[in-house]
N, C-alpha and C. Protein backbone atom coordinates (compact mmCIF):
# COMPACT_ATOMS: atom_id res chain seq x y z
N MET A 1 -7.30 -49.05 -56.88
CA MET A 1 -6.42 -47.79 -56.54
C MET A 1 -6.15 -46.94 -58.08
N GLY A 2 -6.24 -45.65 -58.21
CA GLY A 2 -6.65 -45.24 -59.37
C GLY A 2 -5.33 -43.57 -59.32
N LYS A 3 -5.20 -43.34 -60.39
CA LYS A 3 -4.01 -42.45 -60.73
C LYS A 3 -4.31 -41.50 -62.13
N PRO A 4 -4.57 -40.86 -62.11
CA PRO A 4 -4.22 -39.71 -63.30
C PRO A 4 -3.11 -40.00 -64.34
N GLY A 5 -3.87 -40.34 -65.41
CA GLY A 5 -2.86 -40.01 -66.69
C GLY A 5 -3.33 -39.69 -67.64
N GLY A 6 -2.79 -39.72 -68.88
CA GLY A 6 -3.28 -39.67 -70.28
C GLY A 6 -2.68 -38.05 -70.25
N ASP A 7 -3.34 -37.42 -71.42
CA ASP A 7 -2.53 -35.90 -71.35
C ASP A 7 -3.54 -34.60 -71.02
N SER A 8 -3.67 -33.75 -71.59
CA SER A 8 -4.40 -32.57 -70.17
C SER A 8 -5.84 -32.95 -70.53
N ASP A 9 -6.18 -32.77 -71.36
CA ASP A 9 -7.84 -32.98 -71.89
C ASP A 9 -8.66 -34.40 -71.34
N THR A 10 -7.45 -35.70 -71.08
CA THR A 10 -8.15 -37.13 -71.00
C THR A 10 -7.60 -37.41 -69.83
N TYR A 11 -7.92 -38.36 -68.75
CA TYR A 11 -7.60 -39.01 -67.45
C TYR A 11 -7.85 -40.66 -67.76
N THR A 12 -6.48 -41.15 -67.29
CA THR A 12 -6.61 -43.12 -67.23
C THR A 12 -6.89 -43.00 -65.79
N ILE A 13 -7.65 -44.30 -65.64
CA ILE A 13 -7.83 -45.21 -64.16
C ILE A 13 -7.39 -45.83 -64.18
N THR A 14 -6.41 -46.26 -63.06
CA THR A 14 -5.44 -47.69 -63.30
C THR A 14 -5.55 -48.27 -61.83
N ILE A 15 -6.31 -49.81 -62.43
CA ILE A 15 -6.79 -50.56 -60.62
C ILE A 15 -5.50 -51.76 -60.81
N THR A 16 -4.55 -51.92 -59.99
CA THR A 16 -3.68 -53.20 -59.35
C THR A 16 -4.97 -54.34 -58.50
N LEU A 17 -4.74 -55.67 -59.03
CA LEU A 17 -5.39 -56.64 -58.51
C LEU A 17 -4.40 -57.71 -58.70
N ASP A 18 -3.93 -58.33 -57.09
CA ASP A 18 -3.07 -59.39 -57.15
C ASP A 18 -1.98 -59.20 -58.12
N GLY A 19 -1.23 -58.11 -57.29
CA GLY A 19 -0.16 -57.60 -58.23
C GLY A 19 -0.49 -57.34 -59.43
N LYS A 20 -1.11 -57.25 -60.71
CA LYS A 20 -0.79 -56.71 -62.06
C LYS A 20 -2.16 -55.53 -61.56
N GLU A 21 -1.73 -54.73 -62.87
CA GLU A 21 -2.17 -53.05 -62.99
C GLU A 21 -3.00 -53.40 -64.48
N TYR A 22 -4.29 -52.98 -63.81
CA TYR A 22 -5.54 -52.65 -64.96
C TYR A 22 -6.22 -51.76 -65.30
N SER A 23 -5.78 -51.30 -66.69
CA SER A 23 -6.48 -50.00 -66.47
C SER A 23 -7.43 -49.58 -67.52
N SER A 24 -9.05 -48.91 -67.29
CA SER A 24 -9.79 -48.25 -67.74
C SER A 24 -9.62 -47.86 -69.17
N LYS A 25 -10.62 -47.64 -69.36
CA LYS A 25 -10.30 -47.32 -71.22
C LYS A 25 -10.16 -45.32 -70.75
N THR A 26 -9.20 -44.63 -71.61
CA THR A 26 -9.50 -43.14 -71.39
C THR A 26 -10.09 -42.39 -71.08
N LEU A 27 -10.79 -41.52 -70.22
CA LEU A 27 -11.70 -40.73 -69.97
C LEU A 27 -11.42 -39.11 -70.08
N PRO A 28 -12.41 -38.46 -70.93
CA PRO A 28 -12.03 -37.21 -71.14
C PRO A 28 -11.80 -36.26 -69.34
N LEU A 29 -10.59 -35.47 -69.20
CA LEU A 29 -11.09 -34.85 -68.24
C LEU A 29 -11.89 -33.83 -68.06
N PRO A 30 -12.92 -33.30 -66.93
CA PRO A 30 -13.45 -32.77 -66.40
C PRO A 30 -13.29 -31.40 -66.75
N PRO A 31 -14.13 -30.24 -67.53
CA PRO A 31 -13.41 -29.08 -67.24
C PRO A 31 -13.12 -28.34 -65.95
N THR A 32 -12.09 -27.38 -66.24
CA THR A 32 -11.61 -26.70 -64.75
C THR A 32 -12.23 -25.93 -64.47
N GLY A 33 -13.27 -25.10 -65.31
CA GLY A 33 -13.85 -23.73 -65.12
C GLY A 33 -12.82 -22.67 -65.41
N HIS A 34 -13.35 -21.58 -65.79
CA HIS A 34 -12.38 -19.96 -65.63
C HIS A 34 -11.53 -19.68 -64.78
N ASN A 35 -10.60 -19.15 -65.07
CA ASN A 35 -9.90 -18.26 -63.83
C ASN A 35 -9.39 -17.06 -64.52
N TRP A 36 -10.42 -15.85 -64.35
CA TRP A 36 -10.52 -14.79 -65.22
C TRP A 36 -9.13 -13.79 -64.14
N ASP A 37 -8.43 -12.91 -65.44
CA ASP A 37 -7.20 -12.39 -64.47
C ASP A 37 -7.78 -10.98 -64.39
N PRO A 38 -7.44 -11.10 -62.65
CA PRO A 38 -7.83 -9.75 -62.43
C PRO A 38 -7.36 -8.50 -63.00
N TRP A 39 -6.17 -8.64 -63.32
CA TRP A 39 -5.82 -7.41 -64.58
C TRP A 39 -6.01 -7.39 -65.71
N ALA A 40 -7.53 -6.81 -65.88
CA ALA A 40 -8.09 -6.35 -67.35
C ALA A 40 -7.53 -5.44 -67.87
N HIS A 41 -7.56 -6.00 -69.46
CA HIS A 41 -6.97 -4.02 -70.34
C HIS A 41 -8.21 -3.54 -70.79
N TRP A 42 -7.87 -2.27 -70.42
CA TRP A 42 -9.07 -1.08 -70.63
C TRP A 42 -8.37 -0.34 -72.04
N ASP A 43 -9.18 -0.40 -72.38
CA ASP A 43 -9.14 0.29 -73.74
C ASP A 43 -10.11 2.12 -73.81
N TRP A 44 -9.53 2.90 -73.83
CA TRP A 44 -10.57 3.95 -73.16
C TRP A 44 -10.99 4.83 -74.32
N GLN A 45 -11.84 4.91 -75.43
CA GLN A 45 -12.07 5.16 -76.28
C GLN A 45 -12.60 7.10 -76.48
N MET A 46 -12.36 7.59 -77.24
CA MET A 46 -12.99 8.63 -77.89
C MET A 46 -12.46 10.11 -76.08
N ASP A 47 -11.33 9.84 -76.07
CA ASP A 47 -10.60 10.65 -75.10
C ASP A 47 -11.50 10.48 -73.90
N GLY A 48 -11.25 9.40 -73.46
CA GLY A 48 -12.68 9.27 -71.99
C GLY A 48 -13.52 8.79 -72.24
N GLN A 49 -14.62 8.82 -73.53
CA GLN A 49 -15.73 9.07 -73.51
C GLN A 49 -16.82 7.51 -73.33
N GLY A 50 -15.92 6.54 -73.60
CA GLY A 50 -16.21 5.43 -73.53
C GLY A 50 -15.06 4.10 -73.52
N VAL A 51 -15.37 3.26 -72.62
CA VAL A 51 -13.95 2.20 -72.72
C VAL A 51 -14.43 1.03 -73.04
N VAL A 52 -14.00 0.03 -73.34
CA VAL A 52 -14.04 -1.07 -73.88
C VAL A 52 -12.98 -2.20 -73.00
N VAL A 53 -13.29 -3.49 -72.22
CA VAL A 53 -12.57 -4.00 -71.17
C VAL A 53 -12.42 -5.47 -71.42
N GLU A 54 -11.12 -5.50 -72.05
CA GLU A 54 -11.00 -7.41 -72.42
C GLU A 54 -10.39 -8.20 -71.02
N ILE A 55 -10.80 -9.36 -70.63
CA ILE A 55 -10.51 -10.25 -69.67
C ILE A 55 -10.29 -11.54 -70.61
N SER A 56 -9.04 -11.52 -70.24
CA SER A 56 -8.57 -12.82 -70.11
C SER A 56 -8.55 -14.39 -69.20
N CYS A 57 -8.88 -15.09 -69.97
CA CYS A 57 -8.84 -16.52 -68.85
C CYS A 57 -7.06 -16.86 -68.31
N LEU A 58 -6.91 -16.95 -67.18
CA LEU A 58 -5.24 -17.25 -66.77
C LEU A 58 -5.15 -18.93 -67.23
N ASN A 59 -6.19 -19.91 -67.41
CA ASN A 59 -6.20 -21.41 -67.80
C ASN A 59 -5.99 -21.47 -68.96
N ASP A 60 -6.10 -20.33 -69.83
CA ASP A 60 -6.36 -20.43 -71.62
C ASP A 60 -6.52 -19.24 -71.96
N ARG A 61 -5.71 -18.66 -72.29
CA ARG A 61 -5.33 -16.78 -72.84
C ARG A 61 -6.29 -17.11 -73.96
N ASN A 62 -7.00 -17.85 -74.43
CA ASN A 62 -7.39 -17.92 -75.80
C ASN A 62 -9.10 -17.53 -75.33
N HIS A 63 -9.10 -17.71 -74.23
CA HIS A 63 -10.73 -17.69 -73.89
C HIS A 63 -10.56 -15.78 -73.21
N THR A 64 -11.21 -15.08 -73.93
CA THR A 64 -11.08 -13.67 -73.26
C THR A 64 -12.98 -13.65 -73.19
N HIS A 65 -13.34 -12.26 -72.53
CA HIS A 65 -14.59 -12.01 -72.08
C HIS A 65 -14.33 -10.51 -72.23
N ILE A 66 -15.45 -9.96 -73.03
CA ILE A 66 -15.30 -8.03 -73.64
C ILE A 66 -16.46 -7.62 -72.70
N GLU A 67 -16.13 -6.93 -72.16
CA GLU A 67 -17.02 -5.51 -71.11
C GLU A 67 -17.26 -4.70 -71.75
N THR A 68 -18.15 -3.51 -72.01
CA THR A 68 -18.19 -2.34 -72.36
C THR A 68 -19.21 -1.81 -71.15
N PRO A 69 -18.57 -1.43 -70.00
CA PRO A 69 -19.25 -0.45 -68.92
C PRO A 69 -19.62 0.53 -68.70
N GLN A 70 -20.73 1.44 -68.30
CA GLN A 70 -21.07 3.03 -68.43
C GLN A 70 -20.21 3.53 -67.93
N VAL A 71 -19.65 4.79 -68.57
CA VAL A 71 -18.64 5.32 -67.85
C VAL A 71 -19.27 6.57 -66.92
N THR A 72 -18.79 7.39 -66.23
CA THR A 72 -19.31 8.53 -65.28
C THR A 72 -18.06 9.35 -65.45
N TYR A 73 -18.43 10.66 -65.37
CA TYR A 73 -17.56 11.88 -65.67
C TYR A 73 -17.43 12.89 -64.56
N LYS A 74 -16.70 13.74 -63.90
CA LYS A 74 -16.76 14.40 -63.36
C LYS A 74 -15.54 15.74 -63.68
N VAL A 75 -15.94 16.76 -63.68
CA VAL A 75 -14.56 17.37 -64.26
C VAL A 75 -13.56 18.27 -62.92
N LEU A 76 -12.42 18.25 -63.09
CA LEU A 76 -11.80 18.71 -62.37
C LEU A 76 -11.58 20.15 -62.11
N SER A 77 -11.49 20.54 -63.38
CA SER A 77 -10.94 22.21 -63.51
C SER A 77 -11.25 22.50 -64.96
N GLU A 78 -11.75 23.73 -64.59
CA GLU A 78 -12.16 24.48 -66.25
C GLU A 78 -11.22 24.77 -66.97
N PRO A 79 -11.66 24.51 -68.21
CA PRO A 79 -10.25 25.24 -69.57
C PRO A 79 -9.91 26.53 -69.56
N THR A 80 -9.48 27.34 -69.47
CA THR A 80 -9.56 29.22 -69.30
C THR A 80 -8.95 29.42 -71.18
N CYS A 81 -9.15 30.75 -71.27
CA CYS A 81 -8.14 31.10 -72.72
C CYS A 81 -6.95 29.74 -73.04
N THR A 82 -6.14 29.76 -72.36
CA THR A 82 -4.61 29.79 -71.98
C THR A 82 -4.53 28.79 -71.62
N THR A 83 -4.81 27.93 -70.40
CA THR A 83 -4.54 26.52 -69.80
C THR A 83 -5.57 25.45 -69.74
N ASP A 84 -5.46 24.03 -70.22
CA ASP A 84 -6.13 23.00 -70.42
C ASP A 84 -6.93 22.69 -68.93
N GLY A 85 -8.35 22.18 -69.38
CA GLY A 85 -8.71 21.90 -68.00
C GLY A 85 -8.57 20.68 -68.21
N LYS A 86 -9.14 20.31 -66.89
CA LYS A 86 -9.29 18.08 -66.89
C LYS A 86 -10.54 17.46 -66.14
N PHE A 87 -10.96 16.69 -66.26
CA PHE A 87 -11.93 15.60 -66.27
C PHE A 87 -11.76 14.68 -65.95
N LEU A 88 -12.63 13.55 -65.11
CA LEU A 88 -12.07 11.96 -64.67
C LEU A 88 -13.24 11.32 -65.03
N SER A 89 -12.70 10.34 -65.71
CA SER A 89 -13.83 9.20 -66.44
C SER A 89 -13.69 8.29 -65.53
N SER A 90 -14.52 7.73 -64.67
CA SER A 90 -14.82 6.44 -64.24
C SER A 90 -15.60 5.60 -64.20
N ALA A 91 -15.20 4.60 -64.66
CA ALA A 91 -15.96 2.74 -64.79
C ALA A 91 -16.00 1.77 -63.76
N SER A 92 -16.83 0.79 -63.48
CA SER A 92 -17.07 -0.03 -62.78
C SER A 92 -17.82 -1.09 -63.40
N PHE A 93 -17.76 -2.65 -63.21
CA PHE A 93 -18.42 -3.88 -63.13
C PHE A 93 -18.35 -4.85 -62.68
N ASP A 94 -19.22 -5.70 -62.14
CA ASP A 94 -18.60 -7.25 -61.76
C ASP A 94 -18.90 -7.95 -62.38
N PHE A 95 -17.89 -9.07 -62.83
CA PHE A 95 -17.73 -10.00 -63.23
C PHE A 95 -16.61 -11.30 -62.80
N GLY A 96 -16.99 -12.47 -63.00
CA GLY A 96 -16.60 -13.55 -62.55
C GLY A 96 -15.85 -13.79 -61.41
N GLY A 97 -17.09 -13.04 -60.27
CA GLY A 97 -16.48 -13.18 -58.57
C GLY A 97 -15.91 -11.84 -58.48
N ARG A 98 -15.02 -11.10 -59.61
CA ARG A 98 -14.42 -9.78 -59.08
C ARG A 98 -15.20 -8.73 -59.53
N THR A 99 -14.99 -7.65 -58.78
CA THR A 99 -15.16 -6.10 -59.18
C THR A 99 -14.02 -5.23 -60.18
N TYR A 100 -14.23 -4.88 -61.07
CA TYR A 100 -13.26 -4.28 -61.61
C TYR A 100 -13.53 -2.84 -62.04
N GLU A 101 -12.59 -1.81 -61.72
CA GLU A 101 -13.28 -0.65 -61.76
C GLU A 101 -11.78 0.01 -62.39
N ARG A 102 -11.99 1.29 -62.68
CA ARG A 102 -10.56 2.18 -63.22
C ARG A 102 -11.28 3.36 -63.62
N THR A 103 -10.47 4.48 -63.18
CA THR A 103 -10.09 6.15 -63.24
C THR A 103 -9.45 6.36 -64.06
N TYR A 104 -9.57 7.20 -65.25
CA TYR A 104 -9.04 7.82 -66.19
C TYR A 104 -8.79 9.53 -66.54
N ASP A 105 -7.69 9.88 -66.15
CA ASP A 105 -7.87 11.46 -66.17
C ASP A 105 -7.31 11.65 -67.83
N ASN A 106 -8.79 12.61 -68.04
CA ASN A 106 -8.65 13.84 -69.26
C ASN A 106 -8.43 15.23 -69.34
N ILE A 107 -7.88 15.40 -70.77
CA ILE A 107 -7.71 16.83 -70.65
C ILE A 107 -8.34 17.19 -71.70
N ILE A 108 -9.16 18.69 -71.26
CA ILE A 108 -9.89 19.40 -71.83
C ILE A 108 -9.60 20.55 -72.72
N PRO A 109 -8.75 21.18 -73.63
CA PRO A 109 -8.26 21.74 -74.35
C PRO A 109 -8.46 23.37 -73.79
N ALA A 110 -7.56 23.73 -74.13
CA ALA A 110 -7.63 25.21 -73.98
C ALA A 110 -8.80 25.92 -75.07
N THR A 111 -9.51 27.22 -74.47
CA THR A 111 -10.66 27.72 -75.38
C THR A 111 -9.83 28.26 -76.21
N GLY A 112 -8.15 29.04 -76.01
CA GLY A 112 -8.31 29.92 -76.88
C GLY A 112 -8.95 31.47 -76.32
N HIS A 113 -8.05 32.53 -76.67
CA HIS A 113 -8.53 33.73 -76.61
C HIS A 113 -9.78 34.16 -77.71
N GLY A 114 -10.46 34.87 -76.69
CA GLY A 114 -12.28 35.37 -77.30
C GLY A 114 -12.01 36.21 -77.96
N ASP A 115 -12.81 38.05 -78.81
CA ASP A 115 -12.75 39.05 -79.05
C ASP A 115 -11.71 39.60 -78.44
N LEU A 116 -11.01 40.41 -79.39
CA LEU A 116 -9.80 41.31 -78.69
C LEU A 116 -10.48 42.70 -79.00
N GLU A 117 -10.12 42.97 -77.66
CA GLU A 117 -10.48 45.17 -77.36
C GLU A 117 -8.64 45.81 -77.49
N LEU A 118 -9.14 46.68 -78.48
CA LEU A 118 -8.06 47.46 -79.36
C LEU A 118 -7.62 48.91 -78.17
N ARG A 119 -6.42 48.32 -77.37
CA ARG A 119 -6.08 49.73 -76.74
C ARG A 119 -4.51 50.04 -77.25
N ASN A 120 -4.42 51.31 -76.78
CA ASN A 120 -3.32 52.01 -76.53
C ASN A 120 -3.32 52.71 -78.20
N ALA A 121 -4.10 52.57 -79.27
CA ALA A 121 -3.97 52.71 -80.65
C ALA A 121 -3.98 53.97 -80.91
N LYS A 122 -3.12 54.72 -81.95
CA LYS A 122 -2.94 56.18 -82.01
C LYS A 122 -2.14 56.40 -83.55
N ALA A 123 -2.99 57.32 -83.73
CA ALA A 123 -2.52 57.60 -85.33
C ALA A 123 -2.03 58.18 -85.59
N PRO A 124 -0.92 57.85 -86.74
CA PRO A 124 0.29 58.65 -87.01
C PRO A 124 0.04 60.14 -87.52
N THR A 125 1.37 60.80 -87.26
CA THR A 125 0.85 62.39 -87.92
C THR A 125 2.01 62.89 -88.60
N CYS A 126 2.30 63.70 -89.22
CA CYS A 126 4.09 64.12 -90.14
C CYS A 126 4.99 64.38 -89.07
N THR A 127 4.67 64.52 -87.83
CA THR A 127 5.63 64.89 -86.69
C THR A 127 6.01 63.84 -85.19
N ALA A 128 5.17 62.72 -86.03
CA ALA A 128 5.41 61.86 -84.76
C ALA A 128 4.76 61.06 -85.17
N GLU A 129 5.55 59.05 -84.84
CA GLU A 129 4.94 57.99 -85.37
C GLU A 129 3.48 57.69 -84.57
N GLY A 130 3.28 56.78 -85.28
CA GLY A 130 1.54 56.25 -84.76
C GLY A 130 2.31 54.48 -83.84
N TYR A 131 0.83 53.76 -83.38
CA TYR A 131 0.84 52.85 -82.79
C TYR A 131 -0.05 52.17 -82.93
N SER A 132 -0.22 50.79 -83.85
CA SER A 132 -1.01 50.30 -84.32
C SER A 132 -2.25 49.74 -83.25
N GLY A 133 -1.84 49.67 -81.66
CA GLY A 133 -2.17 49.14 -80.87
C GLY A 133 -2.27 48.01 -80.69
N ASP A 134 -2.79 47.50 -79.02
CA ASP A 134 -2.72 46.05 -78.46
C ASP A 134 -4.01 46.03 -78.71
N GLY A 135 -3.97 44.34 -78.80
CA GLY A 135 -5.05 43.35 -78.74
C GLY A 135 -5.32 43.00 -77.40
N TYR A 136 -6.03 42.98 -76.74
CA TYR A 136 -6.54 42.11 -75.18
C TYR A 136 -7.88 41.40 -75.68
N CYS A 137 -7.80 40.28 -74.36
CA CYS A 137 -8.88 39.34 -74.74
C CYS A 137 -9.99 40.00 -73.78
N ALA A 138 -11.39 39.55 -74.59
CA ALA A 138 -12.37 40.59 -73.84
C ALA A 138 -12.46 39.28 -72.71
N VAL A 139 -12.45 38.17 -72.59
CA VAL A 139 -12.95 37.21 -71.51
C VAL A 139 -11.65 37.37 -70.68
N CYS A 140 -10.56 37.12 -70.96
CA CYS A 140 -9.97 37.47 -69.22
C CYS A 140 -8.15 38.35 -69.24
N GLY A 141 -8.96 39.34 -70.25
CA GLY A 141 -8.05 40.50 -70.08
C GLY A 141 -6.97 40.78 -70.09
N GLN A 142 -5.66 39.31 -70.36
CA GLN A 142 -4.91 38.94 -71.17
C GLN A 142 -4.36 39.59 -72.39
N LEU A 143 -2.87 40.39 -72.62
CA LEU A 143 -2.53 40.67 -73.76
C LEU A 143 -2.65 39.57 -74.84
N ALA A 144 -2.54 39.52 -76.15
CA ALA A 144 -3.39 38.88 -76.81
C ALA A 144 -1.84 38.83 -78.40
N GLU A 145 -2.26 40.32 -78.61
CA GLU A 145 -1.50 40.21 -79.57
C GLU A 145 -0.80 41.62 -79.32
N GLN A 146 0.51 41.54 -79.64
CA GLN A 146 1.29 42.82 -79.38
C GLN A 146 0.92 43.50 -80.88
N GLY A 147 0.68 44.95 -80.60
CA GLY A 147 0.74 46.80 -82.12
C GLY A 147 2.42 46.61 -82.73
N LYS A 148 2.21 47.07 -83.49
CA LYS A 148 3.22 47.61 -83.74
C LYS A 148 3.35 49.49 -84.53
N VAL A 149 4.54 49.84 -84.20
CA VAL A 149 4.86 51.33 -84.73
C VAL A 149 4.36 51.61 -86.08
N LEU A 150 3.41 52.79 -86.08
CA LEU A 150 3.36 52.92 -87.32
C LEU A 150 3.94 54.09 -87.97
N ALA A 151 4.66 54.22 -89.15
CA ALA A 151 5.59 55.76 -89.53
C ALA A 151 4.70 56.20 -89.68
N LYS A 152 5.38 57.97 -89.23
CA LYS A 152 5.07 59.45 -90.13
C LYS A 152 4.39 58.84 -91.15
N THR A 153 3.39 59.80 -91.41
CA THR A 153 3.07 60.97 -92.63
C THR A 153 3.70 61.62 -92.77
N ALA A 154 3.83 61.71 -94.54
CA ALA A 154 4.23 63.10 -95.07
C ALA A 154 3.76 64.02 -94.72
N HIS A 155 4.38 64.78 -95.29
CA HIS A 155 3.85 66.04 -95.24
C HIS A 155 3.11 66.88 -96.22
N THR A 156 1.85 67.62 -96.21
CA THR A 156 1.06 68.17 -96.83
C THR A 156 1.58 69.87 -97.26
N TYR A 157 2.07 69.65 -98.73
CA TYR A 157 2.48 71.61 -98.75
C TYR A 157 1.82 72.45 -99.51
N GLU A 158 1.30 73.37 -98.93
CA GLU A 158 0.98 74.89 -99.89
C GLU A 158 1.43 75.66 -99.91
N ASN A 159 1.46 76.51 -100.50
CA ASN A 159 2.54 78.11 -100.58
C ASN A 159 3.59 77.95 -99.47
N GLY A 160 4.25 76.85 -99.86
CA GLY A 160 5.72 76.36 -99.01
C GLY A 160 5.37 76.46 -97.21
N LYS A 161 4.57 75.58 -97.41
CA LYS A 161 4.17 75.36 -96.07
C LYS A 161 3.04 74.18 -95.60
N CYS A 162 3.27 73.34 -94.62
CA CYS A 162 2.64 72.05 -94.70
C CYS A 162 1.21 72.44 -94.39
N THR A 163 -0.21 71.63 -94.13
CA THR A 163 -1.07 72.25 -93.29
C THR A 163 -1.36 72.19 -91.99
N ALA A 164 -1.02 70.86 -91.70
CA ALA A 164 -0.90 70.46 -90.65
C ALA A 164 -0.09 70.95 -89.50
N CYS A 165 1.36 71.17 -90.24
CA CYS A 165 1.69 71.50 -88.80
C CYS A 165 3.01 72.75 -89.03
N GLY A 166 2.59 73.24 -90.08
CA GLY A 166 3.47 74.27 -90.42
C GLY A 166 4.57 74.47 -90.93
N ALA A 167 5.28 73.32 -91.33
CA ALA A 167 6.76 72.94 -90.97
C ALA A 167 6.74 73.67 -93.63
N ALA A 168 8.43 74.51 -93.26
CA ALA A 168 8.57 75.05 -94.29
C ALA A 168 8.84 74.33 -95.35
N ASP A 169 8.85 73.96 -96.78
CA ASP A 169 8.28 73.64 -97.69
C ASP A 169 9.77 73.21 -98.31
N PRO A 170 11.27 72.87 -97.93
CA PRO A 170 12.26 72.94 -98.70
C PRO A 170 12.70 73.17 -99.80
N ASP A 171 11.37 72.97 -100.74
CA ASP A 171 11.53 72.75 -102.36
C ASP A 171 10.75 74.08 -102.94
N TYR A 172 10.12 74.35 -101.99
CA TYR A 172 8.80 75.94 -102.16
C TYR A 172 10.38 77.08 -102.86
N GLN A 173 9.77 77.50 -103.76
CA GLN A 173 10.53 78.24 -104.87
C GLN A 173 8.96 79.40 -105.02
N PRO A 174 9.16 80.85 -104.53
CA PRO A 174 8.09 82.05 -104.63
C PRO A 174 8.28 81.98 -105.97
N GLU A 175 7.22 82.60 -106.54
CA GLU A 175 7.56 83.47 -108.08
C GLU A 175 8.11 84.40 -107.72
N THR A 176 8.93 84.78 -109.05
CA THR A 176 9.81 86.21 -109.36
C THR A 176 9.18 86.77 -110.86
N PRO A 177 9.08 88.12 -110.71
CA PRO A 177 8.62 88.85 -112.10
C PRO A 177 9.66 88.37 -112.99
N ASP A 178 9.36 88.78 -114.11
CA ASP A 178 9.97 88.06 -115.34
C ASP A 178 10.76 89.38 -115.85
N THR A 179 11.92 89.12 -115.56
CA THR A 179 13.01 90.58 -116.57
C THR A 179 12.65 90.86 -117.35
N GLY A 180 12.23 90.08 -118.37
CA GLY A 180 12.59 90.04 -120.20
C GLY A 180 11.41 90.81 -120.35
N ASP A 181 10.36 90.95 -119.75
CA ASP A 181 9.23 91.74 -120.29
C ASP A 181 9.28 93.64 -119.61
N THR A 182 9.08 94.33 -120.31
CA THR A 182 9.20 95.90 -120.09
C THR A 182 8.44 96.37 -119.98
N SER A 183 7.11 95.58 -120.89
CA SER A 183 6.00 96.30 -121.27
C SER A 183 4.97 96.87 -119.73
N HIS A 184 4.73 96.77 -118.97
CA HIS A 184 4.70 96.81 -117.43
C HIS A 184 5.78 98.57 -116.73
N LEU A 185 6.90 98.71 -117.29
CA LEU A 185 7.56 99.64 -116.68
C LEU A 185 7.24 100.80 -117.82
N THR A 186 7.25 100.44 -119.08
CA THR A 186 6.38 101.52 -120.00
C THR A 186 5.38 102.09 -119.56
N LEU A 187 4.15 101.20 -118.95
CA LEU A 187 3.01 101.82 -118.70
C LEU A 187 3.26 102.83 -117.42
N TRP A 188 4.08 102.49 -116.87
CA TRP A 188 4.48 103.26 -115.57
C TRP A 188 5.24 104.36 -115.61
N ALA A 189 6.01 104.57 -116.65
CA ALA A 189 6.37 106.18 -117.08
C ALA A 189 5.62 106.67 -117.85
N ALA A 190 4.76 105.93 -118.32
CA ALA A 190 3.68 106.72 -119.35
C ALA A 190 2.52 107.54 -118.13
N LEU A 191 2.37 106.81 -117.04
CA LEU A 191 1.46 107.39 -116.53
C LEU A 191 2.50 108.35 -115.35
N VAL A 192 3.62 108.12 -115.12
CA VAL A 192 4.23 109.35 -114.08
C VAL A 192 4.21 110.61 -114.85
N LEU A 193 4.53 110.23 -116.44
CA LEU A 193 4.61 111.66 -116.97
C LEU A 193 3.53 112.41 -117.08
N CYS A 194 2.41 111.63 -117.19
CA CYS A 194 1.12 112.23 -117.19
C CYS A 194 0.83 112.56 -115.93
N THR A 195 0.96 112.01 -115.13
CA THR A 195 0.71 112.99 -113.87
C THR A 195 1.41 114.07 -113.98
N GLY A 196 2.74 114.12 -114.15
CA GLY A 196 3.33 115.08 -113.74
C GLY A 196 3.11 116.62 -114.41
N GLY A 197 2.87 116.30 -116.20
CA GLY A 197 2.33 117.06 -117.08
C GLY A 197 0.85 117.46 -115.80
N VAL A 198 -0.10 116.99 -115.46
CA VAL A 198 -1.02 117.49 -114.70
C VAL A 198 -0.60 118.28 -113.80
N LEU A 199 -0.19 117.80 -112.84
CA LEU A 199 0.43 118.94 -111.38
C LEU A 199 0.95 120.17 -112.30
N GLY A 200 1.93 120.45 -113.28
CA GLY A 200 2.38 121.00 -113.65
C GLY A 200 1.77 122.00 -113.88
N ALA A 201 0.54 121.83 -114.98
CA ALA A 201 -0.42 122.80 -115.55
C ALA A 201 -1.33 123.44 -114.91
N LEU A 202 -1.74 122.54 -113.55
CA LEU A 202 -2.28 123.29 -112.22
C LEU A 202 -1.40 124.60 -111.39
N ALA A 203 -0.45 123.56 -111.34
CA ALA A 203 0.81 125.04 -110.87
C ALA A 203 0.86 126.41 -111.56
N TYR A 204 0.87 126.39 -112.81
CA TYR A 204 0.98 127.20 -113.82
C TYR A 204 -0.33 128.13 -113.29
N GLY A 205 -1.39 127.66 -113.58
CA GLY A 205 -2.64 128.81 -113.56
C GLY A 205 -2.43 129.22 -112.33
N ARG A 206 -2.36 128.24 -111.17
CA ARG A 206 -2.73 128.83 -109.66
C ARG A 206 -1.66 130.32 -109.65
N ARG A 207 -0.54 130.37 -110.23
CA ARG A 207 0.98 131.15 -110.36
C ARG A 207 -0.07 132.77 -111.33
N LYS A 208 -0.98 132.41 -112.04
CA LYS A 208 -1.41 132.83 -113.12
C LYS A 208 -2.31 134.45 -112.24
N ARG A 209 -3.00 133.04 -111.62
CA ARG A 209 -4.31 133.90 -110.84
C ARG A 209 -3.81 134.41 -110.00
N THR A 210 -2.68 134.85 -109.35
CA THR A 210 -2.15 135.52 -107.84
C THR A 210 -1.39 136.52 -108.76
N LYS A 211 -1.34 136.96 -109.95
CA LYS A 211 -0.75 137.96 -110.46
C LYS A 211 -1.59 139.40 -110.89
């Protein structure tokens, strides 16, 4: 009769004969073989572009197997200017009498708005405010940048009026003669006297001829 004995790595055969037990020498236990864990550790790399799989033996966790299966991809939704897209990574392989497979959802970042088209722009004047304009995405057509109000421009005055809108210059003062200079008055008086003398001589000559 035999029975197992010893530690986990060896066994002993014991024989009973005529009421006495005789033991053989201790022999090593035969290997049990690996019992690979069906729940492997999947380590997805580079946002789903690759994967490393580690499988442990249930009989001895120090025994591991590393697998790098091929990954396939499928786009679930394309990204837009403002929303993320998605793609699916899939991988599978056979090992230890089992098939291991797993999928992984990945994010495709939103692209962001493209070139902007300027709309509703208005130049300011001296009588009305302006507007810098709104920026609309040339790809999706959505408003991407809100414009701002531009302040009125200053009036450009000339000879007391604005050259753009005709508004009066509140600080305008027209030029007036200098009352301290009488030279032009003396000239006018001399001209009047001369004119009066000439007219008087002409009148006297006419009266003399009529007599």
